[in-house]
Amino acid sequence: MSIDIVRAWRDADYFAALSPEQQDQVPDNPAGSIDLSFADLQKVSGARAAASCTGSSCCSCHKTKACSSCDSAMAVGAAKGFSAA
């Protein structure tokens, strides 16, 4: 049986169904590991850069004025124990 390398990278069930010898033949994925630590996941802020709101100035969405989106993000972050500093 020939091994479908790309499928082995993408499909955990396919990889698990391979024999230990076949699994050893699958090279490391050139894209690298996709595992993220909890610390890395805490830095995620949707599809934009993390907000850094401080008082009357706001994140990159407005730079010079506070907005309800940032106020809301700050409130949610504060409730979860994050600081806007």
Protein backbone atom coordinates (compact mmCIF):
# COMPACT_ATOMS: atom_id res chain seq x y z
CA MET A 1 0.00 0.00 0.00
CA SER A 2 1.38 3.39 -0.92
CA ILE A 3 1.06 6.15 1.64
CA ASP A 4 -0.79 9.35 0.78
CA ILE A 5 1.58 11.76 2.56
CA VAL A 6 -0.63 14.85 2.31
CA ARG A 7 -3.66 12.91 3.52
CA ALA A 8 -1.61 11.57 6.43
CA TRP A 9 -0.80 15.17 7.40
CA ARG A 10 -4.39 16.39 7.12
CA ASP A 11 -6.44 13.38 8.24
CA ALA A 12 -5.69 12.13 11.76
CA ASP A 13 -7.92 9.06 11.27
CA TYR A 14 -6.02 8.08 8.11
CA PHE A 15 -2.69 8.55 9.88
CA ALA A 16 -3.88 6.48 12.86
CA ALA A 17 -4.95 3.67 10.51
CA LEU A 18 -1.40 3.35 9.13
CA SER A 19 0.86 0.73 10.63
CA PRO A 20 3.61 1.98 12.96
CA GLU A 21 6.14 1.34 10.18
CA GLN A 22 4.10 3.40 7.71
CA GLN A 23 3.67 6.20 10.26
CA ASP A 24 7.46 6.30 10.61
CA GLN A 25 7.73 6.83 6.84
CA VAL A 26 5.54 9.95 6.90
CA PRO A 27 7.86 12.98 6.98
CA ASP A 28 7.17 15.97 9.22
CA ASN A 29 4.72 18.44 7.72
CA PRO A 30 6.78 21.26 6.16
CA ALA A 31 4.25 23.79 7.46
CA GLY A 32 5.33 22.86 10.97
CA SER A 33 3.31 22.21 14.04
CA ILE A 34 -0.14 23.73 14.34
CA ASP A 35 -0.36 23.21 18.07
CA LEU A 36 -0.79 26.49 19.94
CA SER A 37 -0.09 26.99 23.60
CA PHE A 38 -2.69 28.54 25.88
CA ALA A 39 -0.50 31.67 26.03
CA ASP A 40 -0.55 31.92 22.22
CA LEU A 41 -4.32 31.51 22.14
CA GLN A 42 -4.75 34.31 24.68
CA LYS A 43 -3.16 36.68 22.13
CA VAL A 44 -5.82 35.94 19.49
CA SER A 45 -8.30 38.72 18.87
CA GLY A 46 -10.59 37.61 16.04
CA ALA A 47 -9.27 38.56 12.64
CA ARG A 48 -7.52 41.74 13.69
CA ALA A 49 -4.63 42.81 15.86
CA ALA A 50 -5.22 42.68 19.59
CA ALA A 51 -6.83 45.84 20.95
CA SER A 52 -4.72 48.02 23.18
CA CYS A 53 -7.27 50.51 24.47
CA THR A 54 -6.15 53.01 27.11
CA GLY A 55 -8.56 55.57 28.48
CA SER A 56 -9.46 58.16 25.86
CA SER A 57 -7.30 56.75 23.10
CA CYS A 58 -8.26 53.48 21.52
CA CYS A 59 -6.99 50.57 19.49
CA SER A 60 -5.91 50.65 15.87
CA CYS A 61 -9.51 50.85 14.63
CA HIS A 62 -9.80 54.52 15.68
CA LYS A 63 -6.42 55.46 17.16
CA THR A 64 -7.60 58.73 18.72
CA LYS A 65 -11.05 58.21 20.24
CA ALA A 66 -12.79 55.62 22.35
CA CYS A 67 -15.53 53.60 20.71
CA SER A 68 -18.26 51.29 21.89
CA SER A 69 -16.55 48.28 20.30
CA CYS A 70 -13.36 48.93 22.24
CA ASP A 71 -15.28 49.73 25.44
CA SER A 72 -17.10 46.42 25.04
CA ALA A 73 -13.86 44.54 24.34
CA MET A 74 -12.26 46.12 27.41
CA ALA A 75 -15.22 45.14 29.59
CA VAL A 76 -15.15 41.53 28.37
CA GLY A 77 -11.39 41.38 28.82
CA ALA A 78 -11.59 42.82 32.32
CA ALA A 79 -14.28 40.30 33.25
CA LYS A 80 -11.91 37.53 32.12
CA GLY A 81 -9.02 38.99 34.09
CA PHE A 82 -7.13 40.64 31.20
CA SER A 83 -5.63 44.09 31.50
CA ALA A 84 -5.78 46.79 28.83
CA ALA A 85 -2.38 48.16 29.88
